[in-house]
Amino acid sequence: MAALNATASTIIGLALLFYSIGVWSERISGRLKVWHLIFFWMGFVCDTWGTGMMFDMAGGMTVDVHGISGTLAIILMLIHAVWATVVLIRHDERWITRFHTFSIAVWLIWLIPYFSPMFFSLA
């Protein structure tokens, strides 16, 4: 169980790394690029995979701040990655240069379930 927890935590840590690289590099460059999209998808895959492992260990979703915000965050990450894909396929210049505003919002929401276990264990 401890090894599974460590593995899931590592995978979710990779989600934070990948998603943060995608979001912040997009913000700094001021343009959505294909490689940002790849990092969005890698972050989403790692978060979903790690969360699935955590669900298995916990016996399903917990109905608390962490469980609800985590589910919302995964849904938003999926919407974010799909929308970024559509924007790039359509070559929508307006959204290519403004997409970072949505990216930052989703990233900030994603941080709630990422850090909530730490805050609740301190309380």
PDB file of N, CA and C in Angstrom:
ATOM      1  N   MET A   1       0.833  -1.196   0.000  1.00  0.00           N
ATOM      2  CA  MET A   1       0.000   0.000   0.000  1.00  0.00           C
ATOM      3  C   MET A   1       0.872   1.251   0.000  1.00  0.00           C
ATOM      4  N   ALA A   2       1.953   1.251   0.796  1.00  0.00           N
ATOM      5  CA  ALA A   2       2.831   2.421   0.848  1.00  0.00           C
ATOM      6  C   ALA A   2       3.515   2.643  -0.496  1.00  0.00           C
ATOM      7  N   ALA A   3       3.902   1.547  -1.168  1.00  0.00           N
ATOM      8  CA  ALA A   3       4.548   1.670  -2.481  1.00  0.00           C
ATOM      9  C   ALA A   3       3.557   2.231  -3.507  1.00  0.00           C
ATOM     10  N   LEU A   4       2.311   1.783  -3.423  1.00  0.00           N
ATOM     11  CA  LEU A   4       1.287   2.284  -4.337  1.00  0.00           C
ATOM     12  C   LEU A   4       1.023   3.765  -4.089  1.00  0.00           C
ATOM     13  N   ASN A   5       0.990   4.163  -2.832  1.00  0.00           N
ATOM     14  CA  ASN A   5       0.791   5.561  -2.482  1.00  0.00           C
ATOM     15  C   ASN A   5       1.946   6.412  -3.001  1.00  0.00           C
ATOM     16  N   ALA A   6       3.172   5.921  -2.840  1.00  0.00           N
ATOM     17  CA  ALA A   6       4.350   6.649  -3.324  1.00  0.00           C
ATOM     18  C   ALA A   6       4.325   6.767  -4.847  1.00  0.00           C
ATOM     19  N   THR A   7       3.916   5.701  -5.516  1.00  0.00           N
ATOM     20  CA  THR A   7       3.834   5.723  -6.976  1.00  0.00           C
ATOM     21  C   THR A   7       2.780   6.724  -7.438  1.00  0.00           C
ATOM     22  N   ALA A   8       1.604   6.685  -6.834  1.00  0.00           N
ATOM     23  CA  ALA A   8       0.530   7.609  -7.196  1.00  0.00           C
ATOM     24  C   ALA A   8       0.941   9.053  -6.928  1.00  0.00           C
ATOM     25  N   SER A   9       1.592   9.276  -5.799  1.00  0.00           N
ATOM     26  CA  SER A   9       2.044  10.629  -5.463  1.00  0.00           C
ATOM     27  C   SER A   9       3.090  11.126  -6.459  1.00  0.00           C
ATOM     28  N   THR A  10       3.974  10.240  -6.884  1.00  0.00           N
ATOM     29  CA  THR A  10       4.989  10.603  -7.877  1.00  0.00           C
ATOM     30  C   THR A  10       4.343  10.957  -9.210  1.00  0.00           C
ATOM     31  N   ILE A  11       3.374  10.162  -9.624  1.00  0.00           N
ATOM     32  CA  ILE A  11       2.683  10.414 -10.894  1.00  0.00           C
ATOM     33  C   ILE A  11       1.930  11.744 -10.823  1.00  0.00           C
ATOM     34  N   ILE A  12       1.271  12.023  -9.706  1.00  0.00           N
ATOM     35  CA  ILE A  12       0.566  13.296  -9.560  1.00  0.00           C
ATOM     36  C   ILE A  12       1.578  14.448  -9.475  1.00  0.00           C
ATOM     37  N   GLY A  13       2.736  14.207  -8.881  1.00  0.00           N
ATOM     38  CA  GLY A  13       3.804  15.215  -8.891  1.00  0.00           C
ATOM     39  C   GLY A  13       4.271  15.523 -10.307  1.00  0.00           C
ATOM     40  N   LEU A  14       4.353  14.480 -11.145  1.00  0.00           N
ATOM     41  CA  LEU A  14       4.687  14.697 -12.560  1.00  0.00           C
ATOM     42  C   LEU A  14       3.602  15.505 -13.259  1.00  0.00           C
ATOM     43  N   ALA A  15       2.350  15.268 -12.871  1.00  0.00           N
ATOM     44  CA  ALA A  15       1.256  16.065 -13.444  1.00  0.00           C
ATOM     45  C   ALA A  15       1.471  17.546 -13.136  1.00  0.00           C
ATOM     46  N   LEU A  16       1.836  17.851 -11.894  1.00  0.00           N
ATOM     47  CA  LEU A  16       2.113  19.242 -11.524  1.00  0.00           C
ATOM     48  C   LEU A  16       3.257  19.792 -12.365  1.00  0.00           C
ATOM     49  N   LEU A  17       4.314  19.040 -12.515  1.00  0.00           N
ATOM     50  CA  LEU A  17       5.464  19.488 -13.299  1.00  0.00           C
ATOM     51  C   LEU A  17       5.075  19.743 -14.753  1.00  0.00           C
ATOM     52  N   PHE A  18       4.466  18.760 -15.401  1.00  0.00           N
ATOM     53  CA  PHE A  18       4.103  18.890 -16.813  1.00  0.00           C
ATOM     54  C   PHE A  18       3.104  20.027 -17.036  1.00  0.00           C
ATOM     55  N   TYR A  19       2.066  20.061 -16.207  1.00  0.00           N
ATOM     56  CA  TYR A  19       1.022  21.075 -16.384  1.00  0.00           C
ATOM     57  C   TYR A  19       1.581  22.476 -16.134  1.00  0.00           C
ATOM     58  N   SER A  20       2.414  22.613 -15.120  1.00  0.00           N
ATOM     59  CA  SER A  20       3.010  23.915 -14.823  1.00  0.00           C
ATOM     60  C   SER A  20       3.928  24.381 -15.955  1.00  0.00           C
ATOM     61  N   ILE A  21       4.720  23.469 -16.493  1.00  0.00           N
ATOM     62  CA  ILE A  21       5.588  23.834 -17.621  1.00  0.00           C
ATOM     63  C   ILE A  21       4.734  24.315 -18.790  1.00  0.00           C
ATOM     64  N   GLY A  22       3.693  23.572 -19.117  1.00  0.00           N
ATOM     65  CA  GLY A  22       2.820  23.971 -20.229  1.00  0.00           C
ATOM     66  C   GLY A  22       2.154  25.312 -20.003  1.00  0.00           C
ATOM     67  N   VAL A  23       1.565  25.488 -18.835  1.00  0.00           N
ATOM     68  CA  VAL A  23       0.815  26.720 -18.538  1.00  0.00           C
ATOM     69  C   VAL A  23       1.737  27.933 -18.466  1.00  0.00           C
ATOM     70  N   TRP A  24       2.817  27.828 -17.716  1.00  0.00           N
ATOM     71  CA  TRP A  24       3.666  29.004 -17.515  1.00  0.00           C
ATOM     72  C   TRP A  24       4.524  29.334 -18.729  1.00  0.00           C
ATOM     73  N   SER A  25       4.939  28.340 -19.487  1.00  0.00           N
ATOM     74  CA  SER A  25       5.688  28.654 -20.702  1.00  0.00           C
ATOM     75  C   SER A  25       4.776  29.296 -21.737  1.00  0.00           C
ATOM     76  N   GLU A  26       3.515  28.858 -21.764  1.00  0.00           N
ATOM     77  CA  GLU A  26       2.545  29.503 -22.653  1.00  0.00           C
ATOM     78  C   GLU A  26       2.333  30.948 -22.224  1.00  0.00           C
ATOM     79  N   ARG A  27       2.192  31.170 -20.940  1.00  0.00           N
ATOM     80  CA  ARG A  27       1.987  32.531 -20.416  1.00  0.00           C
ATOM     81  C   ARG A  27       3.180  33.433 -20.751  1.00  0.00           C
ATOM     82  N   ILE A  28       4.382  32.922 -20.538  1.00  0.00           N
ATOM     83  CA  ILE A  28       5.586  33.714 -20.784  1.00  0.00           C
ATOM     84  C   ILE A  28       5.756  34.015 -22.275  1.00  0.00           C
ATOM     85  N   SER A  29       5.482  33.041 -23.130  1.00  0.00           N
ATOM     86  CA  SER A  29       5.647  33.258 -24.574  1.00  0.00           C
ATOM     87  C   SER A  29       4.535  34.122 -25.155  1.00  0.00           C
ATOM     88  N   GLY A  30       3.358  34.108 -24.506  1.00  0.00           N
ATOM     89  CA  GLY A  30       2.235  34.905 -25.001  1.00  0.00           C
ATOM     90  C   GLY A  30       1.512  34.293 -26.185  1.00  0.00           C
ATOM     91  N   ARG A  31       1.870  33.060 -26.533  1.00  0.00           N
ATOM     92  CA  ARG A  31       1.240  32.361 -27.655  1.00  0.00           C
ATOM     93  C   ARG A  31       1.109  30.883 -27.318  1.00  0.00           C
ATOM     94  N   LEU A  32      -0.024  30.327 -27.619  1.00  0.00           N
ATOM     95  CA  LEU A  32      -0.233  28.891 -27.463  1.00  0.00           C
ATOM     96  C   LEU A  32       0.498  28.179 -28.592  1.00  0.00           C
ATOM     97  N   LYS A  33       1.322  27.197 -28.229  1.00  0.00           N
ATOM     98  CA  LYS A  33       2.078  26.430 -29.219  1.00  0.00           C
ATOM     99  C   LYS A  33       1.809  24.945 -29.028  1.00  0.00           C
ATOM    100  N   VAL A  34       2.133  24.179 -30.034  1.00  0.00           N
ATOM    101  CA  VAL A  34       1.877  22.733 -29.995  1.00  0.00           C
ATOM    102  C   VAL A  34       2.583  22.091 -28.805  1.00  0.00           C
ATOM    103  N   TRP A  35       3.812  22.485 -28.521  1.00  0.00           N
ATOM    104  CA  TRP A  35       4.520  21.836 -27.414  1.00  0.00           C
ATOM    105  C   TRP A  35       3.873  22.153 -26.067  1.00  0.00           C
ATOM    106  N   HIS A  36       3.194  23.324 -25.942  1.00  0.00           N
ATOM    107  CA  HIS A  36       2.437  23.608 -24.717  1.00  0.00           C
ATOM    108  C   HIS A  36       1.292  22.595 -24.594  1.00  0.00           C
ATOM    109  N   LEU A  37       0.629  22.376 -25.717  1.00  0.00           N
ATOM    110  CA  LEU A  37      -0.486  21.438 -25.756  1.00  0.00           C
ATOM    111  C   LEU A  37      -0.036  20.035 -25.319  1.00  0.00           C
ATOM    112  N   ILE A  38       1.134  19.628 -25.768  1.00  0.00           N
ATOM    113  CA  ILE A  38       1.660  18.311 -25.382  1.00  0.00           C
ATOM    114  C   ILE A  38       1.827  18.242 -23.856  1.00  0.00           C
ATOM    115  N   PHE A  39       2.330  19.304 -23.251  1.00  0.00           N
ATOM    116  CA  PHE A  39       2.494  19.326 -21.790  1.00  0.00           C
ATOM    117  C   PHE A  39       1.136  19.357 -21.076  1.00  0.00           C
ATOM    118  N   PHE A  40       0.136  20.052 -21.649  1.00  0.00           N
ATOM    119  CA  PHE A  40      -1.210  20.029 -21.055  1.00  0.00           C
ATOM    120  C   PHE A  40      -1.723  18.589 -21.008  1.00  0.00           C
ATOM    121  N   TRP A  41      -1.596  17.877 -22.146  1.00  0.00           N
ATOM    122  CA  TRP A  41      -2.090  16.508 -22.217  1.00  0.00           C
ATOM    123  C   TRP A  41      -1.300  15.578 -21.302  1.00  0.00           C
ATOM    124  N   MET A  42       0.018  15.757 -21.229  1.00  0.00           N
ATOM    125  CA  MET A  42       0.814  14.915 -20.318  1.00  0.00           C
ATOM    126  C   MET A  42       0.403  15.161 -18.868  1.00  0.00           C
ATOM    127  N   GLY A  43       0.159  16.415 -18.503  1.00  0.00           N
ATOM    128  CA  GLY A  43      -0.302  16.728 -17.154  1.00  0.00           C
ATOM    129  C   GLY A  43      -1.650  16.089 -16.868  1.00  0.00           C
ATOM    130  N   PHE A  44      -2.562  16.171 -17.837  1.00  0.00           N
ATOM    131  CA  PHE A  44      -3.888  15.580 -17.682  1.00  0.00           C
ATOM    132  C   PHE A  44      -3.792  14.060 -17.513  1.00  0.00           C
ATOM    133  N   VAL A  45      -3.005  13.416 -18.362  1.00  0.00           N
ATOM    134  CA  VAL A  45      -2.867  11.952 -18.291  1.00  0.00           C
ATOM    135  C   VAL A  45      -2.287  11.538 -16.937  1.00  0.00           C
ATOM    136  N   CYS A  46      -1.231  12.208 -16.507  1.00  0.00           N
ATOM    137  CA  CYS A  46      -0.613  11.854 -15.214  1.00  0.00           C
ATOM    138  C   CYS A  46      -1.566  12.108 -14.058  1.00  0.00           C
ATOM    139  N   ASP A  47      -2.292  13.217 -14.100  1.00  0.00           N
ATOM    140  CA  ASP A  47      -3.218  13.514 -13.006  1.00  0.00           C
ATOM    141  C   ASP A  47      -4.344  12.490 -12.958  1.00  0.00           C
ATOM    142  N   THR A  48      -4.890  12.139 -14.108  1.00  0.00           N
ATOM    143  CA  THR A  48      -5.975  11.162 -14.156  1.00  0.00           C
ATOM    144  C   THR A  48      -5.482   9.784 -13.703  1.00  0.00           C
ATOM    145  N   TRP A  49      -4.316   9.396 -14.147  1.00  0.00           N
ATOM    146  CA  TRP A  49      -3.716   8.114 -13.775  1.00  0.00           C
ATOM    147  C   TRP A  49      -3.440   8.065 -12.272  1.00  0.00           C
ATOM    148  N   GLY A  50      -2.788   9.076 -11.743  1.00  0.00           N
ATOM    149  CA  GLY A  50      -2.482   9.118 -10.311  1.00  0.00           C
ATOM    150  C   GLY A  50      -3.734   9.188  -9.457  1.00  0.00           C
ATOM    151  N   THR A  51      -4.704   9.963  -9.912  1.00  0.00           N
ATOM    152  CA  THR A  51      -5.969  10.071  -9.178  1.00  0.00           C
ATOM    153  C   THR A  51      -6.703   8.734  -9.178  1.00  0.00           C
ATOM    154  N   GLY A  52      -6.684   8.040 -10.303  1.00  0.00           N
ATOM    155  CA  GLY A  52      -7.304   6.711 -10.367  1.00  0.00           C
ATOM    156  C   GLY A  52      -6.675   5.752  -9.368  1.00  0.00           C
ATOM    157  N   MET A  53      -5.361   5.824  -9.249  1.00  0.00           N
ATOM    158  CA  MET A  53      -4.668   4.986  -8.268  1.00  0.00           C
ATOM    159  C   MET A  53      -5.087   5.362  -6.844  1.00  0.00           C
ATOM    160  N   MET A  54      -5.210   6.659  -6.591  1.00  0.00           N
ATOM    161  CA  MET A  54      -5.637   7.134  -5.259  1.00  0.00           C
ATOM    162  C   MET A  54      -7.080   6.701  -4.977  1.00  0.00           C
ATOM    163  N   PHE A  55      -7.949   6.762  -5.987  1.00  0.00           N
ATOM    164  CA  PHE A  55      -9.326   6.306  -5.815  1.00  0.00           C
ATOM    165  C   PHE A  55      -9.343   4.838  -5.407  1.00  0.00           C
ATOM    166  N   ASP A  56      -8.518   4.021  -6.063  1.00  0.00           N
ATOM    167  CA  ASP A  56      -8.463   2.596  -5.726  1.00  0.00           C
ATOM    168  C   ASP A  56      -8.048   2.385  -4.273  1.00  0.00           C
ATOM    169  N   MET A  57      -7.058   3.153  -3.822  1.00  0.00           N
ATOM    170  CA  MET A  57      -6.589   3.013  -2.434  1.00  0.00           C
ATOM    171  C   MET A  57      -7.637   3.491  -1.429  1.00  0.00           C
ATOM    172  N   ALA A  58      -8.377   4.545  -1.782  1.00  0.00           N
ATOM    173  CA  ALA A  58      -9.362   5.124  -0.863  1.00  0.00           C
ATOM    174  C   ALA A  58     -10.714   4.408  -0.951  1.00  0.00           C
ATOM    175  N   GLY A  59     -10.888   3.539  -1.924  1.00  0.00           N
ATOM    176  CA  GLY A  59     -12.164   2.850  -2.090  1.00  0.00           C
ATOM    177  C   GLY A  59     -13.191   3.704  -2.805  1.00  0.00           C
ATOM    178  N   GLY A  60     -12.755   4.641  -3.594  1.00  0.00           N
ATOM    179  CA  GLY A  60     -13.644   5.502  -4.361  1.00  0.00           C
ATOM    180  C   GLY A  60     -13.426   6.967  -4.017  1.00  0.00           C
ATOM    181  N   MET A  61     -14.243   7.800  -4.623  1.00  0.00           N
ATOM    182  CA  MET A  61     -14.107   9.236  -4.394  1.00  0.00           C
ATOM    183  C   MET A  61     -14.614   9.616  -3.007  1.00  0.00           C
ATOM    184  N   THR A  62     -13.898  10.503  -2.366  1.00  0.00           N
ATOM    185  CA  THR A  62     -14.352  11.038  -1.087  1.00  0.00           C
ATOM    186  C   THR A  62     -15.148  12.312  -1.364  1.00  0.00           C
ATOM    187  N   VAL A  63     -16.243  12.474  -0.645  1.00  0.00           N
ATOM    188  CA  VAL A  63     -17.083  13.658  -0.837  1.00  0.00           C
ATOM    189  C   VAL A  63     -16.648  14.692   0.203  1.00  0.00           C
ATOM    190  N   ASP A  64     -15.550  15.360  -0.142  1.00  0.00           N
ATOM    191  CA  ASP A  64     -15.003  16.423   0.686  1.00  0.00           C
ATOM    192  C   ASP A  64     -14.348  17.437  -0.253  1.00  0.00           C
ATOM    193  N   VAL A  65     -13.699  18.432   0.305  1.00  0.00           N
ATOM    194  CA  VAL A  65     -13.074  19.479  -0.526  1.00  0.00           C
ATOM    195  C   VAL A  65     -12.090  18.864  -1.516  1.00  0.00           C
ATOM    196  N   HIS A  66     -11.284  17.933  -1.046  1.00  0.00           N
ATOM    197  CA  HIS A  66     -10.275  17.323  -1.911  1.00  0.00           C
ATOM    198  C   HIS A  66     -10.915  16.523  -3.045  1.00  0.00           C
ATOM    199  N   GLY A  67     -11.873  15.680  -2.720  1.00  0.00           N
ATOM    200  CA  GLY A  67     -12.516  14.842  -3.736  1.00  0.00           C
ATOM    201  C   GLY A  67     -13.286  15.638  -4.767  1.00  0.00           C
ATOM    202  N   ILE A  68     -14.066  16.603  -4.301  1.00  0.00           N
ATOM    203  CA  ILE A  68     -14.880  17.407  -5.217  1.00  0.00           C
ATOM    204  C   ILE A  68     -14.004  18.327  -6.062  1.00  0.00           C
ATOM    205  N   SER A  69     -13.053  19.010  -5.426  1.00  0.00           N
ATOM    206  CA  SER A  69     -12.196  19.915  -6.193  1.00  0.00           C
ATOM    207  C   SER A  69     -11.288  19.132  -7.140  1.00  0.00           C
ATOM    208  N   GLY A  70     -10.882  17.927  -6.754  1.00  0.00           N
ATOM    209  CA  GLY A  70     -10.067  17.090  -7.630  1.00  0.00           C
ATOM    210  C   GLY A  70     -10.819  16.656  -8.873  1.00  0.00           C
ATOM    211  N   THR A  71     -12.070  16.275  -8.690  1.00  0.00           N
ATOM    212  CA  THR A  71     -12.900  15.894  -9.837  1.00  0.00           C
ATOM    213  C   THR A  71     -13.116  17.098 -10.755  1.00  0.00           C
ATOM    214  N   LEU A  72     -13.432  18.240 -10.163  1.00  0.00           N
ATOM    215  CA  LEU A  72     -13.605  19.467 -10.949  1.00  0.00           C
ATOM    216  C   LEU A  72     -12.325  19.812 -11.700  1.00  0.00           C
ATOM    217  N   ALA A  73     -11.187  19.669 -11.043  1.00  0.00           N
ATOM    218  CA  ALA A  73      -9.904  20.005 -11.669  1.00  0.00           C
ATOM    219  C   ALA A  73      -9.624  19.102 -12.872  1.00  0.00           C
ATOM    220  N   ILE A  74      -9.897  17.809 -12.753  1.00  0.00           N
ATOM    221  CA  ILE A  74      -9.674  16.895 -13.881  1.00  0.00           C
ATOM    222  C   ILE A  74     -10.597  17.245 -15.043  1.00  0.00           C
ATOM    223  N   ILE A  75     -11.841  17.558 -14.745  1.00  0.00           N
ATOM    224  CA  ILE A  75     -12.779  17.950 -15.796  1.00  0.00           C
ATOM    225  C   ILE A  75     -12.295  19.228 -16.488  1.00  0.00           C
ATOM    226  N   LEU A  76     -11.865  20.209 -15.690  1.00  0.00           N
ATOM    227  CA  LEU A  76     -11.349  21.462 -16.266  1.00  0.00           C
ATOM    228  C   LEU A  76     -10.076  21.230 -17.078  1.00  0.00           C
ATOM    229  N   MET A  77      -9.193  20.351 -16.602  1.00  0.00           N
ATOM    230  CA  MET A  77      -7.979  20.042 -17.359  1.00  0.00           C
ATOM    231  C   MET A  77      -8.332  19.417 -18.711  1.00  0.00           C
ATOM    232  N   LEU A  78      -9.329  18.548 -18.726  1.00  0.00           N
ATOM    233  CA  LEU A  78      -9.760  17.936 -19.985  1.00  0.00           C
ATOM    234  C   LEU A  78     -10.329  18.996 -20.918  1.00  0.00           C
ATOM    235  N   ILE A  79     -11.217  19.841 -20.403  1.00  0.00           N
ATOM    236  CA  ILE A  79     -11.783  20.920 -21.222  1.00  0.00           C
ATOM    237  C   ILE A  79     -10.664  21.811 -21.747  1.00  0.00           C
ATOM    238  N   HIS A  80      -9.711  22.141 -20.887  1.00  0.00           N
ATOM    239  CA  HIS A  80      -8.584  22.995 -21.242  1.00  0.00           C
ATOM    240  C   HIS A  80      -7.771  22.387 -22.386  1.00  0.00           C
ATOM    241  N   ALA A  81      -7.416  21.116 -22.265  1.00  0.00           N
ATOM    242  CA  ALA A  81      -6.606  20.456 -23.297  1.00  0.00           C
ATOM    243  C   ALA A  81      -7.373  20.307 -24.610  1.00  0.00           C
ATOM    244  N   VAL A  82      -8.655  19.952 -24.525  1.00  0.00           N
ATOM    245  CA  VAL A  82      -9.465  19.820 -25.744  1.00  0.00           C
ATOM    246  C   VAL A  82      -9.606  21.177 -26.426  1.00  0.00           C
ATOM    247  N   TRP A  83      -9.906  22.211 -25.647  1.00  0.00           N
ATOM    248  CA  TRP A  83     -10.077  23.544 -26.218  1.00  0.00           C
ATOM    249  C   TRP A  83      -8.769  24.026 -26.854  1.00  0.00           C
ATOM    250  N   ALA A  84      -7.641  23.801 -26.194  1.00  0.00           N
ATOM    251  CA  ALA A  84      -6.340  24.187 -26.765  1.00  0.00           C
ATOM    252  C   ALA A  84      -6.101  23.452 -28.083  1.00  0.00           C
ATOM    253  N   THR A  85      -6.485  22.188 -28.138  1.00  0.00           N
ATOM    254  CA  THR A  85      -6.351  21.411 -29.371  1.00  0.00           C
ATOM    255  C   THR A  85      -7.174  22.037 -30.487  1.00  0.00           C
ATOM    256  N   VAL A  86      -8.416  22.383 -30.178  1.00  0.00           N
ATOM    257  CA  VAL A  86      -9.301  23.003 -31.175  1.00  0.00           C
ATOM    258  C   VAL A  86      -8.744  24.348 -31.634  1.00  0.00           C
ATOM    259  N   VAL A  87      -8.274  25.157 -30.707  1.00  0.00           N
ATOM    260  CA  VAL A  87      -7.717  26.473 -31.043  1.00  0.00           C
ATOM    261  C   VAL A  87      -6.546  26.316 -32.016  1.00  0.00           C
ATOM    262  N   LEU A  88      -5.669  25.367 -31.736  1.00  0.00           N
ATOM    263  CA  LEU A  88      -4.504  25.177 -32.617  1.00  0.00           C
ATOM    264  C   LEU A  88      -4.899  24.594 -33.971  1.00  0.00           C
ATOM    265  N   ILE A  89      -5.858  23.682 -33.983  1.00  0.00           N
ATOM    266  CA  ILE A  89      -6.310  23.106 -35.259  1.00  0.00           C
ATOM    267  C   ILE A  89      -6.946  24.189 -36.128  1.00  0.00           C
ATOM    268  N   ARG A  90      -7.720  25.064 -35.513  1.00  0.00           N
ATOM    269  CA  ARG A  90      -8.407  26.135 -36.260  1.00  0.00           C
ATOM    270  C   ARG A  90      -7.493  27.321 -36.583  1.00  0.00           C
ATOM    271  N   HIS A  91      -6.310  27.331 -35.994  1.00  0.00           N
ATOM    272  CA  HIS A  91      -5.377  28.463 -36.172  1.00  0.00           C
ATOM    273  C   HIS A  91      -6.054  29.786 -35.818  1.00  0.00           C
ATOM    274  N   ASP A  92      -6.801  29.768 -34.722  1.00  0.00           N
ATOM    275  CA  ASP A  92      -7.542  30.954 -34.276  1.00  0.00           C
ATOM    276  C   ASP A  92      -6.569  31.912 -33.565  1.00  0.00           C
ATOM    277  N   GLU A  93      -6.078  32.880 -34.298  1.00  0.00           N
ATOM    278  CA  GLU A  93      -5.039  33.784 -33.794  1.00  0.00           C
ATOM    279  C   GLU A  93      -5.480  34.531 -32.542  1.00  0.00           C
ATOM    280  N   ARG A  94      -6.735  34.925 -32.503  1.00  0.00           N
ATOM    281  CA  ARG A  94      -7.241  35.642 -31.328  1.00  0.00           C
ATOM    282  C   ARG A  94      -7.072  34.803 -30.071  1.00  0.00           C
ATOM    283  N   TRP A  95      -7.482  33.528 -30.152  1.00  0.00           N
ATOM    284  CA  TRP A  95      -7.378  32.659 -28.981  1.00  0.00           C
ATOM    285  C   TRP A  95      -5.962  32.156 -28.753  1.00  0.00           C
ATOM    286  N   ILE A  96      -5.173  32.030 -29.792  1.00  0.00           N
ATOM    287  CA  ILE A  96      -3.783  31.599 -29.629  1.00  0.00           C
ATOM    288  C   ILE A  96      -3.030  32.579 -28.735  1.00  0.00           C
ATOM    289  N   THR A  97      -3.340  33.861 -28.863  1.00  0.00           N
ATOM    290  CA  THR A  97      -2.642  34.875 -28.056  1.00  0.00           C
ATOM    291  C   THR A  97      -3.329  35.176 -26.727  1.00  0.00           C
ATOM    292  N   ARG A  98      -4.539  34.708 -26.535  1.00  0.00           N
ATOM    293  CA  ARG A  98      -5.264  34.971 -25.287  1.00  0.00           C
ATOM    294  C   ARG A  98      -5.508  33.735 -24.439  1.00  0.00           C
ATOM    295  N   PHE A  99      -5.113  32.590 -24.931  1.00  0.00           N
ATOM    296  CA  PHE A  99      -5.445  31.339 -24.268  1.00  0.00           C
ATOM    297  C   PHE A  99      -4.865  31.242 -22.866  1.00  0.00           C
ATOM    298  N   HIS A 100      -3.749  31.913 -22.633  1.00  0.00           N
ATOM    299  CA  HIS A 100      -3.079  31.822 -21.326  1.00  0.00           C
ATOM    300  C   HIS A 100      -3.965  32.280 -20.164  1.00  0.00           C
ATOM    301  N   THR A 101      -4.933  33.159 -20.420  1.00  0.00           N
ATOM    302  CA  THR A 101      -5.802  33.595 -19.318  1.00  0.00           C
ATOM    303  C   THR A 101      -6.634  32.420 -18.794  1.00  0.00           C
ATOM    304  N   PHE A 102      -7.130  31.602 -19.699  1.00  0.00           N
ATOM    305  CA  PHE A 102      -7.878  30.414 -19.297  1.00  0.00           C
ATOM    306  C   PHE A 102      -6.941  29.394 -18.656  1.00  0.00           C
ATOM    307  N   SER A 103      -5.742  29.255 -19.209  1.00  0.00           N
ATOM    308  CA  SER A 103      -4.772  28.293 -18.685  1.00  0.00           C
ATOM    309  C   SER A 103      -4.422  28.589 -17.232  1.00  0.00           C
ATOM    310  N   ILE A 104      -4.155  29.849 -16.924  1.00  0.00           N
ATOM    311  CA  ILE A 104      -3.792  30.236 -15.558  1.00  0.00           C
ATOM    312  C   ILE A 104      -4.944  29.937 -14.597  1.00  0.00           C
ATOM    313  N   ALA A 105      -6.178  30.241 -15.018  1.00  0.00           N
ATOM    314  CA  ALA A 105      -7.344  29.995 -14.160  1.00  0.00           C
ATOM    315  C   ALA A 105      -7.480  28.505 -13.849  1.00  0.00           C
ATOM    316  N   VAL A 106      -7.355  27.655 -14.865  1.00  0.00           N
ATOM    317  CA  VAL A 106      -7.473  26.212 -14.652  1.00  0.00           C
ATOM    318  C   VAL A 106      -6.336  25.712 -13.762  1.00  0.00           C
ATOM    319  N   TRP A 107      -5.129  26.208 -13.995  1.00  0.00           N
ATOM    320  CA  TRP A 107      -3.973  25.799 -13.187  1.00  0.00           C
ATOM    321  C   TRP A 107      -4.184  26.156 -11.714  1.00  0.00           C
ATOM    322  N   LEU A 108      -4.682  27.365 -11.450  1.00  0.00           N
ATOM    323  CA  LEU A 108      -4.927  27.787 -10.060  1.00  0.00           C
ATOM    324  C   LEU A 108      -5.977  26.902  -9.389  1.00  0.00           C
ATOM    325  N   ILE A 109      -7.034  26.573 -10.110  1.00  0.00           N
ATOM    326  CA  ILE A 109      -8.065  25.684  -9.564  1.00  0.00           C
ATOM    327  C   ILE A 109      -7.472  24.301  -9.312  1.00  0.00           C
ATOM    328  N   TRP A 110      -6.600  23.842 -10.216  1.00  0.00           N
ATOM    329  CA  TRP A 110      -5.969  22.531 -10.070  1.00  0.00           C
ATOM    330  C   TRP A 110      -5.100  22.460  -8.819  1.00  0.00           C
ATOM    331  N   LEU A 111      -4.536  23.566  -8.406  1.00  0.00           N
ATOM    332  CA  LEU A 111      -3.683  23.571  -7.216  1.00  0.00           C
ATOM    333  C   LEU A 111      -4.461  23.287  -5.928  1.00  0.00           C
ATOM    334  N   ILE A 112      -5.757  23.568  -5.910  1.00  0.00           N
ATOM    335  CA  ILE A 112      -6.564  23.329  -4.702  1.00  0.00           C
ATOM    336  C   ILE A 112      -6.515  21.853  -4.302  1.00  0.00           C
ATOM    337  N   PRO A 113      -6.885  20.915  -5.180  1.00  0.00           N
ATOM    338  CA  PRO A 113      -6.798  19.511  -4.755  1.00  0.00           C
ATOM    339  C   PRO A 113      -5.359  19.015  -4.610  1.00  0.00           C
ATOM    340  N   TYR A 114      -4.441  19.633  -5.317  1.00  0.00           N
ATOM    341  CA  TYR A 114      -3.047  19.204  -5.192  1.00  0.00           C
ATOM    342  C   TYR A 114      -2.518  19.478  -3.777  1.00  0.00           C
ATOM    343  N   PHE A 115      -2.800  20.672  -3.262  1.00  0.00           N
ATOM    344  CA  PHE A 115      -2.262  21.048  -1.955  1.00  0.00           C
ATOM    345  C   PHE A 115      -3.208  20.784  -0.787  1.00  0.00           C
ATOM    346  N   SER A 116      -4.482  20.509  -1.027  1.00  0.00           N
ATOM    347  CA  SER A 116      -5.427  20.350   0.083  1.00  0.00           C
ATOM    348  C   SER A 116      -5.062  19.226   1.054  1.00  0.00           C
ATOM    349  N   PRO A 117      -4.541  18.076   0.619  1.00  0.00           N
ATOM    350  CA  PRO A 117      -4.163  17.062   1.625  1.00  0.00           C
ATOM    351  C   PRO A 117      -3.107  17.574   2.598  1.00  0.00           C
ATOM    352  N   MET A 118      -2.173  18.371   2.106  1.00  0.00           N
ATOM    353  CA  MET A 118      -1.137  18.917   2.971  1.00  0.00           C
ATOM    354  C   MET A 118      -1.744  19.879   3.992  1.00  0.00           C
ATOM    355  N   PHE A 119      -2.647  20.749   3.530  1.00  0.00           N
ATOM    356  CA  PHE A 119      -3.254  21.714   4.444  1.00  0.00           C
ATOM    357  C   PHE A 119      -4.139  21.034   5.477  1.00  0.00           C
ATOM    358  N   PHE A 120      -4.889  20.001   5.049  1.00  0.00           N
ATOM    359  CA  PHE A 120      -5.758  19.306   5.991  1.00  0.00           C
ATOM    360  C   PHE A 120      -4.970  18.482   7.002  1.00  0.00           C
ATOM    361  N   SER A 121      -3.807  17.967   6.602  1.00  0.00           N
ATOM    362  CA  SER A 121      -3.004  17.208   7.555  1.00  0.00           C
ATOM    363  C   SER A 121      -2.336  18.129   8.579  1.00  0.00           C
ATOM    364  N   LEU A 122      -2.127  19.394   8.220  1.00  0.00           N
ATOM    365  CA  LEU A 122      -1.554  20.363   9.160  1.00  0.00           C
ATOM    366  C   LEU A 122      -2.582  20.880  10.156  1.00  0.00           C
ATOM    367  N   ALA A 123      -3.852  20.839   9.743  1.00  0.00           N
ATOM    368  CA  ALA A 123      -4.915  21.393  10.595  1.00  0.00           C
ATOM    369  C   ALA A 123      -5.218  20.532  11.796  1.00  0.00           C
TER     370      ALA A 123
END
